[in-house]
Amino acid sequence: MIAEVPVPRPGSSLHLALLSAGPARPRLQAWVRWWHEVSRIPYEVSDPAIADRKLAWWAQAVQDAFRQPPQHPLLRELLLTDDRLDTSKVPPLDLWLQQIEGLQVLTQQTRWMDETTLLRHIKATTGSACEGAVLMTGAAQLATHALARRAGTALRRVHILARLGQDARQGWLHIPIDVLQRHGVRAHELLNPVSAVPDELIRGLLDAWAQQAREEITAIRMEARALPHAERRAWRPLAVLLRLALLLLDDLARAGYPVLQQRLVVGTWRKLWTAQRERWAA
């Protein structure tokens, strides 16, 4: 059911990004809430079989909702216009199902053997969510849709870094094993850290992970500036998210990546000011 805690949380990056969505904001906010509802299932449902059944239920509910007026409040908010079924204002069905299928992988594993597999998962989940978002704000060009998928990958990299310790305490490790091996780091050193301060090898790993995310975000932002005006308007919510992700990367690097023992967050007023400047720039 719909979470009791407001989604997105006031002052969060998603909340600030939605302020740039224009007339599409109500539906886009419902899209964010739907994504939150399904994406938390693998993390909050400890029994894999039950998690699979919940995700399968959502897959069927979404498919049914594209054929007849839905019953679930979130799907009604997304797919009904004046109490009539209207699929023209939401992403196509395959984008919904890709996200659910990608999440089903998480019910069977808590870590990744290689980066290729992780990136495939991210493209299907966060990438699809971001592509759906720009479709809902009016992006019409395939180049914008593809750029949104890439934005989803970069944003997820930052999310993985920021939540590394928090996820590890719940048994999750999203930095792939082959990446750990390249930096001489073992999984247990991240899952059960002996110190709040990363040693030299772990610091090198985290710095490289952050640098890759930064380079991806920088390249995406440059390409987005070349989009036609209408496409840039549709891009604004993602532009805000990417700029706030860079701000978080700066703070993490400045603090020495204390992500194993704590989760560092950017202050609300700094985020608000940064988001506003990005909206002006866009």
Protein backbone atom coordinates (compact mmCIF):
# COMPACT_ATOMS: atom_id res chain seq x y z
CA MET A 1 0.00 0.00 0.00
CA ILE A 2 0.99 3.66 -0.22
CA ALA A 3 3.67 4.58 2.30
CA GLU A 4 2.60 6.76 5.22
CA VAL A 5 5.84 8.76 5.11
CA PRO A 6 5.60 11.50 2.43
CA VAL A 7 7.29 10.46 -0.81
CA PRO A 8 9.33 12.23 -1.86
CA ARG A 9 10.38 13.52 1.53
CA PRO A 10 10.18 17.35 1.82
CA GLY A 11 13.60 18.87 1.21
CA SER A 12 14.94 15.74 -0.48
CA SER A 13 16.63 15.86 -3.88
CA LEU A 14 13.58 14.28 -5.50
CA HIS A 15 11.27 16.83 -3.90
CA LEU A 16 13.41 19.71 -5.15
CA ALA A 17 13.63 18.18 -8.62
CA LEU A 18 9.85 17.88 -8.85
CA LEU A 19 9.52 21.63 -8.34
CA SER A 20 10.91 21.96 -11.89
CA ALA A 21 8.38 19.63 -13.50
CA GLY A 22 5.79 22.26 -14.43
CA PRO A 23 2.27 21.03 -15.27
CA ALA A 24 3.46 17.41 -15.25
CA ARG A 25 4.39 17.63 -11.57
CA PRO A 26 1.33 15.85 -10.04
CA ARG A 27 1.63 12.84 -12.33
CA LEU A 28 5.42 12.77 -12.08
CA GLN A 29 5.15 12.82 -8.30
CA ALA A 30 2.82 9.81 -8.53
CA TRP A 31 5.41 8.10 -10.77
CA VAL A 32 8.05 8.71 -8.09
CA ARG A 33 5.75 7.30 -5.42
CA TRP A 34 5.02 4.24 -7.55
CA TRP A 35 8.73 3.65 -8.10
CA HIS A 36 9.36 3.99 -4.37
CA GLU A 37 6.55 1.53 -3.64
CA VAL A 38 7.92 -1.22 -5.87
CA SER A 39 11.66 -0.59 -5.43
CA ARG A 40 11.56 -0.96 -1.65
CA ILE A 41 10.05 -4.46 -1.82
CA PRO A 42 13.35 -6.40 -2.19
CA TYR A 43 14.88 -4.39 0.66
CA GLU A 44 11.99 -4.52 3.11
CA VAL A 45 10.55 -8.00 2.51
CA SER A 46 12.98 -10.51 3.99
CA ASP A 47 11.38 -13.62 2.48
CA PRO A 48 12.42 -13.83 -1.23
CA ALA A 49 9.33 -15.84 -2.15
CA ILE A 50 7.00 -13.22 -0.68
CA ALA A 51 8.98 -10.41 -2.34
CA ASP A 52 8.69 -12.21 -5.68
CA ARG A 53 4.94 -12.58 -5.24
CA LYS A 54 4.56 -8.90 -4.40
CA LEU A 55 6.51 -7.85 -7.49
CA ALA A 56 4.57 -10.32 -9.65
CA TRP A 57 1.35 -8.82 -8.29
CA TRP A 58 2.52 -5.35 -9.32
CA ALA A 59 3.48 -6.59 -12.79
CA GLN A 60 0.00 -8.03 -13.29
CA ALA A 61 -1.69 -4.95 -11.80
CA VAL A 62 0.18 -2.66 -14.19
CA GLN A 63 -0.63 -4.82 -17.22
CA ASP A 64 -4.30 -4.90 -16.21
CA ALA A 65 -4.27 -1.12 -15.67
CA PHE A 66 -3.34 -0.55 -19.31
CA ARG A 67 -6.48 -2.45 -20.37
CA GLN A 68 -9.08 -1.26 -17.89
CA PRO A 69 -9.46 1.39 -15.17
CA PRO A 70 -7.12 0.38 -12.33
CA GLN A 71 -8.10 -0.17 -8.71
CA HIS A 72 -4.88 0.68 -6.86
CA PRO A 73 -4.83 4.37 -5.80
CA LEU A 74 -1.37 5.02 -7.26
CA LEU A 75 -2.27 3.49 -10.61
CA ARG A 76 -5.54 5.42 -10.66
CA GLU A 77 -3.63 8.64 -10.04
CA LEU A 78 -1.27 7.86 -12.89
CA LEU A 79 -3.59 6.34 -15.46
CA LEU A 80 -6.95 8.06 -15.04
CA THR A 81 -7.96 11.43 -16.49
CA ASP A 82 -11.44 12.59 -15.47
CA ASP A 83 -12.09 9.02 -14.25
CA ARG A 84 -11.31 7.61 -17.70
CA LEU A 85 -8.37 5.39 -18.61
CA ASP A 86 -5.67 7.50 -20.29
CA THR A 87 -2.30 5.91 -21.09
CA SER A 88 -1.11 8.82 -23.23
CA LYS A 89 0.40 10.75 -20.30
CA VAL A 90 2.47 7.93 -18.79
CA PRO A 91 5.46 5.85 -19.95
CA PRO A 92 4.75 2.84 -22.18
CA LEU A 93 4.01 -0.47 -20.47
CA ASP A 94 7.41 -1.98 -21.21
CA LEU A 95 9.17 0.69 -19.11
CA TRP A 96 7.04 -0.24 -16.10
CA LEU A 97 7.68 -3.95 -16.56
CA GLN A 98 11.43 -3.49 -17.09
CA GLN A 99 11.67 -1.89 -13.68
CA ILE A 100 9.76 -4.70 -11.99
CA GLU A 101 11.80 -7.39 -13.75
CA GLY A 102 15.02 -5.64 -12.73
CA LEU A 103 13.86 -5.53 -9.12
CA GLN A 104 13.05 -9.24 -9.15
CA VAL A 105 16.78 -9.90 -9.52
CA LEU A 106 17.30 -8.35 -6.09
CA THR A 107 15.13 -10.95 -4.41
CA GLN A 108 17.70 -13.61 -5.34
CA GLN A 109 21.03 -11.87 -4.68
CA THR A 110 22.59 -9.30 -2.38
CA ARG A 111 25.74 -8.57 -4.37
CA TRP A 112 27.08 -8.48 -7.93
CA MET A 113 29.89 -10.55 -9.41
CA ASP A 114 30.72 -8.10 -12.20
CA GLU A 115 30.03 -4.54 -13.24
CA THR A 116 28.38 -5.54 -16.51
CA THR A 117 25.59 -7.33 -14.66
CA LEU A 118 25.13 -4.43 -12.25
CA LEU A 119 24.88 -1.92 -15.10
CA ARG A 120 22.29 -4.09 -16.85
CA HIS A 121 20.24 -4.07 -13.65
CA ILE A 122 20.61 -0.30 -13.21
CA LYS A 123 19.58 0.38 -16.80
CA ALA A 124 16.42 -1.67 -16.30
CA THR A 125 15.50 -0.07 -12.98
CA THR A 126 16.76 3.44 -12.28
CA GLY A 127 17.43 4.02 -15.97
CA SER A 128 13.86 3.12 -16.90
CA ALA A 129 12.51 5.28 -14.07
CA CYS A 130 14.44 8.31 -15.34
CA GLU A 131 13.45 7.69 -18.95
CA GLY A 132 9.84 7.46 -17.83
CA ALA A 133 10.23 10.75 -15.99
CA VAL A 134 11.35 12.72 -19.06
CA LEU A 135 8.59 11.14 -21.13
CA MET A 136 6.07 12.43 -18.60
CA THR A 137 7.53 15.95 -18.67
CA GLY A 138 7.26 16.10 -22.46
CA ALA A 139 10.57 14.87 -23.90
CA ALA A 140 9.87 13.70 -27.44
CA GLN A 141 13.32 12.93 -28.86
CA LEU A 142 14.97 9.53 -28.56
CA ALA A 143 18.27 11.25 -27.74
CA THR A 144 16.69 12.75 -24.61
CA HIS A 145 15.26 9.38 -23.60
CA ALA A 146 18.67 7.73 -24.00
CA LEU A 147 20.34 10.53 -22.05
CA ALA A 148 17.84 9.99 -19.23
CA ARG A 149 18.80 6.30 -19.06
CA ARG A 150 22.42 7.31 -18.68
CA ALA A 151 21.45 9.82 -16.02
CA GLY A 152 19.78 7.00 -14.12
CA THR A 153 23.03 5.04 -14.16
CA ALA A 154 25.10 7.97 -12.92
CA LEU A 155 22.61 8.86 -10.19
CA ARG A 156 22.53 5.24 -9.03
CA ARG A 157 26.32 5.21 -8.77
CA VAL A 158 26.15 8.16 -6.40
CA HIS A 159 23.33 6.51 -4.47
CA ILE A 160 25.35 3.30 -4.07
CA LEU A 161 28.33 5.25 -2.76
CA ALA A 162 26.33 7.37 -0.32
CA ARG A 163 24.45 4.36 1.09
CA LEU A 164 27.38 1.94 1.08
CA GLY A 165 27.60 1.43 4.84
CA GLN A 166 23.86 1.64 5.39
CA ASP A 167 23.24 -1.07 2.78
CA ALA A 168 26.15 -3.17 4.08
CA ARG A 169 24.63 -3.29 7.55
CA GLN A 170 21.59 -4.90 5.95
CA GLY A 171 23.73 -7.40 4.05
CA TRP A 172 23.75 -5.63 0.67
CA LEU A 173 26.87 -4.84 -1.36
CA HIS A 174 26.29 -3.09 -4.67
CA ILE A 175 29.89 -2.43 -5.68
CA PRO A 176 30.66 -5.49 -7.85
CA ILE A 177 33.23 -8.09 -6.88
CA ASP A 178 35.36 -7.51 -10.00
CA VAL A 179 35.61 -3.81 -9.11
CA LEU A 180 36.66 -4.70 -5.55
CA GLN A 181 39.32 -7.05 -6.90
CA ARG A 182 40.78 -4.37 -9.16
CA HIS A 183 41.39 -2.27 -6.06
CA GLY A 184 42.56 -5.08 -3.78
CA VAL A 185 39.52 -4.79 -1.50
CA ARG A 186 37.62 -7.77 -0.09
CA ALA A 187 33.85 -7.76 0.36
CA HIS A 188 34.00 -8.37 4.11
CA GLU A 189 36.06 -5.18 4.54
CA LEU A 190 33.02 -3.20 3.39
CA LEU A 191 30.38 -5.39 4.98
CA ASN A 192 32.14 -5.47 8.37
CA PRO A 193 34.50 -2.47 8.51
CA VAL A 194 36.92 -2.31 11.42
CA SER A 195 37.27 1.47 11.25
CA ALA A 196 35.12 4.45 10.36
CA VAL A 197 38.06 5.82 8.37
CA PRO A 198 38.66 3.94 5.09
CA ASP A 199 42.17 2.57 4.66
CA GLU A 200 44.25 3.45 1.61
CA LEU A 201 42.88 0.67 -0.61
CA ILE A 202 39.25 1.30 0.30
CA ARG A 203 39.74 5.04 -0.10
CA GLY A 204 41.16 4.40 -3.58
CA LEU A 205 38.14 2.26 -4.45
CA LEU A 206 35.65 4.84 -3.24
CA ASP A 207 37.49 7.69 -4.92
CA ALA A 208 37.55 5.82 -8.25
CA TRP A 209 33.84 5.00 -7.95
CA ALA A 210 33.03 8.63 -7.20
CA GLN A 211 35.23 9.87 -10.04
CA GLN A 212 33.47 7.62 -12.54
CA ALA A 213 30.10 8.96 -11.40
CA ARG A 214 31.38 12.53 -11.63
CA GLU A 215 32.69 12.02 -15.16
CA GLU A 216 29.42 10.46 -16.29
CA ILE A 217 27.35 13.27 -14.79
CA THR A 218 29.60 15.95 -16.29
CA ALA A 219 29.34 14.40 -19.76
CA ILE A 220 25.55 14.05 -19.49
CA ARG A 221 25.13 17.66 -18.36
CA MET A 222 27.19 18.89 -21.31
CA GLU A 223 25.14 16.87 -23.79
CA ALA A 224 21.90 18.07 -22.22
CA ARG A 225 22.87 21.69 -22.90
CA ALA A 226 22.76 20.92 -26.62
CA LEU A 227 19.17 19.66 -26.53
CA PRO A 228 16.44 21.77 -28.19
CA HIS A 229 14.63 24.21 -25.91
CA ALA A 230 11.51 22.07 -25.44
CA GLU A 231 13.62 19.05 -24.58
CA ARG A 232 15.66 21.06 -22.06
CA ARG A 233 12.43 22.09 -20.34
CA ALA A 234 11.47 18.44 -20.02
CA TRP A 235 14.99 17.70 -18.75
CA ARG A 236 14.85 20.17 -15.84
CA PRO A 237 13.98 17.72 -13.04
CA LEU A 238 16.88 15.46 -14.02
CA ALA A 239 19.15 18.48 -14.37
CA VAL A 240 18.42 19.33 -10.73
CA LEU A 241 19.04 15.75 -9.59
CA LEU A 242 22.37 15.60 -11.42
CA ARG A 243 23.55 18.92 -10.00
CA LEU A 244 22.62 17.86 -6.47
CA ALA A 245 24.44 14.56 -7.00
CA LEU A 246 27.61 16.50 -7.86
CA LEU A 247 27.16 18.53 -4.69
CA LEU A 248 26.95 15.33 -2.64
CA LEU A 249 30.05 13.91 -4.35
CA ASP A 250 31.95 17.07 -3.42
CA ASP A 251 30.93 16.72 0.23
CA LEU A 252 31.78 13.02 0.33
CA ALA A 253 35.25 13.64 -1.09
CA ARG A 254 35.86 16.55 1.27
CA ALA A 255 34.90 14.39 4.25
CA GLY A 256 37.11 11.49 3.16
CA TYR A 257 34.22 9.16 2.22
CA PRO A 258 32.98 8.27 5.72
CA VAL A 259 30.30 6.12 4.10
CA LEU A 260 31.14 2.85 5.87
CA GLN A 261 29.90 4.05 9.25
CA GLN A 262 27.58 6.94 8.46
CA ARG A 263 25.43 8.43 5.74
CA LEU A 264 26.40 11.97 4.85
CA VAL A 265 23.64 14.23 3.55
CA VAL A 266 23.74 17.74 2.13
CA GLY A 267 21.99 20.42 4.22
CA THR A 268 18.51 21.39 3.08
CA TRP A 269 19.26 25.07 2.48
CA ARG A 270 22.36 24.30 0.38
CA LYS A 271 20.33 21.83 -1.65
CA LEU A 272 17.51 24.34 -2.07
CA TRP A 273 19.89 27.07 -3.27
CA THR A 274 21.76 24.71 -5.60
CA ALA A 275 18.51 23.41 -7.08
CA GLN A 276 17.24 26.96 -7.64
CA ARG A 277 20.44 27.98 -9.39
CA GLU A 278 20.17 24.92 -11.63
CA ARG A 279 16.59 25.83 -12.53
CA TRP A 280 17.69 29.34 -13.44
CA ALA A 281 20.52 27.96 -15.56
CA ALA A 282 18.16 25.57 -17.34
